[in-house]
């Protein structure tokens, strides 16, 4: 089954990291040194033409420096999205940022 929308943002994440399909596929290596998937399979996954397993999704996420959930929910090219802004906040300031957001949610100001 070919889907119009693949239901993930793998291509956007790969492009945001400046990687070709081959380079990303070459990063997808099992512990024994074997390749997890070929670049052709990766291409079909990006297009929504091939299904993927959770382990493949997690491998792709690790190779792209993110998590599996982000590959599904986040498009890294959306600069004004909340998660993109969150990523720009230094880790030492995130607790304070969260407190500010919680206050805004409760009071509206």
Protein backbone atom coordinates (compact mmCIF):
# COMPACT_ATOMS: atom_id res chain seq x y z
CA UNK A 1 0.00 0.00 0.00
CA UNK A 2 1.37 3.41 -0.99
CA UNK A 3 0.43 6.24 1.34
CA UNK A 4 0.20 9.87 0.20
CA UNK A 5 1.78 10.95 3.47
CA UNK A 6 4.32 8.62 5.10
CA UNK A 7 3.25 9.37 8.69
CA UNK A 8 6.74 10.34 9.79
CA UNK A 9 9.33 13.05 9.20
CA UNK A 10 12.36 10.90 8.37
CA UNK A 11 13.10 12.72 5.10
CA UNK A 12 12.90 16.14 6.79
CA UNK A 13 15.22 14.98 9.60
CA UNK A 14 17.69 13.49 7.10
CA UNK A 15 17.67 16.66 5.01
CA UNK A 16 18.09 18.85 8.10
CA UNK A 17 21.28 16.90 8.90
CA UNK A 18 22.56 17.24 5.32
CA UNK A 19 22.66 13.48 4.74
CA UNK A 20 22.01 11.56 1.54
CA UNK A 21 20.03 8.33 1.67
CA UNK A 22 23.27 6.35 1.28
CA UNK A 23 25.06 8.20 4.07
CA UNK A 24 22.17 7.71 6.46
CA UNK A 25 21.83 4.03 5.50
CA UNK A 26 25.57 3.60 6.09
CA UNK A 27 25.06 4.85 9.66
CA UNK A 28 22.44 2.16 10.31
CA UNK A 29 24.70 -0.63 11.54
CA UNK A 30 23.86 -3.54 13.87
CA UNK A 31 26.15 -4.50 16.75
CA UNK A 32 27.67 -7.23 14.57
CA UNK A 33 28.60 -4.68 11.87
CA UNK A 34 25.86 -5.63 9.43
CA UNK A 35 23.71 -2.97 7.81
CA UNK A 36 20.19 -2.63 9.26
CA UNK A 37 18.58 -1.60 5.95
CA UNK A 38 19.73 -0.60 2.48
CA UNK A 39 19.46 2.91 1.14
CA UNK A 40 16.81 1.64 -1.32
CA UNK A 41 14.69 0.37 1.57
CA UNK A 42 15.25 3.64 3.41
CA UNK A 43 14.01 5.51 0.34
CA UNK A 44 10.85 3.40 0.22
CA UNK A 45 10.28 3.97 3.95
CA UNK A 46 10.65 7.74 3.46
CA UNK A 47 8.07 7.65 0.66
CA UNK A 48 5.64 5.57 2.70
CA UNK A 49 5.97 2.66 0.26
CA UNK A 50 7.52 0.27 2.78
CA UNK A 51 6.65 -0.42 6.39
CA UNK A 52 9.30 -0.31 9.11
CA UNK A 53 9.81 -1.93 12.47
CA UNK A 54 10.26 -0.16 15.77
CA UNK A 55 13.92 -1.22 15.84
CA UNK A 56 14.50 0.29 12.38
CA UNK A 57 12.79 3.51 13.47
CA UNK A 58 14.95 3.64 16.60
CA UNK A 59 18.09 2.99 14.55
CA UNK A 60 17.22 5.80 12.15
CA UNK A 61 16.50 8.12 15.07
CA UNK A 62 19.83 7.34 16.72
CA UNK A 63 21.68 7.88 13.45
CA UNK A 64 19.98 11.27 13.13
CA UNK A 65 20.66 12.28 16.73
CA UNK A 66 17.04 12.30 17.85
CA UNK A 67 14.44 9.90 19.25
CA UNK A 68 11.84 7.73 17.52
CA UNK A 69 8.95 9.85 18.77
CA UNK A 70 10.46 12.95 17.21
CA UNK A 71 10.72 11.22 13.84
CA UNK A 72 6.97 10.66 13.99
CA UNK A 73 5.77 13.91 15.56
CA UNK A 74 8.35 16.60 14.80
CA UNK A 75 9.36 18.27 11.58
CA UNK A 76 12.77 19.84 12.26
CA UNK A 77 12.22 22.47 9.55
CA UNK A 78 9.42 24.15 11.50
CA UNK A 79 11.49 26.77 13.32
CA UNK A 80 8.57 28.35 15.16
CA UNK A 81 7.22 25.09 16.57
CA UNK A 82 7.32 24.76 20.35
CA UNK A 83 9.75 21.84 20.30
CA UNK A 84 12.15 23.77 18.07
CA UNK A 85 12.15 26.65 20.51
CA UNK A 86 12.55 24.18 23.41
CA UNK A 87 15.64 22.72 21.74
CA UNK A 88 17.20 26.18 21.69
CA UNK A 89 16.82 26.63 25.45
CA UNK A 90 19.98 25.60 27.33
CA UNK A 91 19.44 22.52 29.50
CA UNK A 92 20.25 24.58 32.61
CA UNK A 93 17.31 26.93 31.85
CA UNK A 94 14.65 24.37 30.89
CA UNK A 95 13.24 23.95 34.40
CA UNK A 96 12.61 27.70 34.60
CA UNK A 97 11.13 27.70 31.09
CA UNK A 98 8.78 24.87 32.03
CA UNK A 99 7.65 26.74 35.14
CA UNK A 100 6.90 29.80 33.00
CA UNK A 101 4.88 27.72 30.53
CA UNK A 102 2.94 26.03 33.34
CA UNK A 103 2.12 29.46 34.80
CA UNK A 104 0.97 30.70 31.40
CA UNK A 105 -1.24 27.64 30.97
CA UNK A 106 -2.85 28.16 34.38
CA UNK A 107 -3.35 31.90 34.31
CA UNK A 108 -3.33 32.77 30.64
CA UNK A 109 -0.81 35.54 31.30
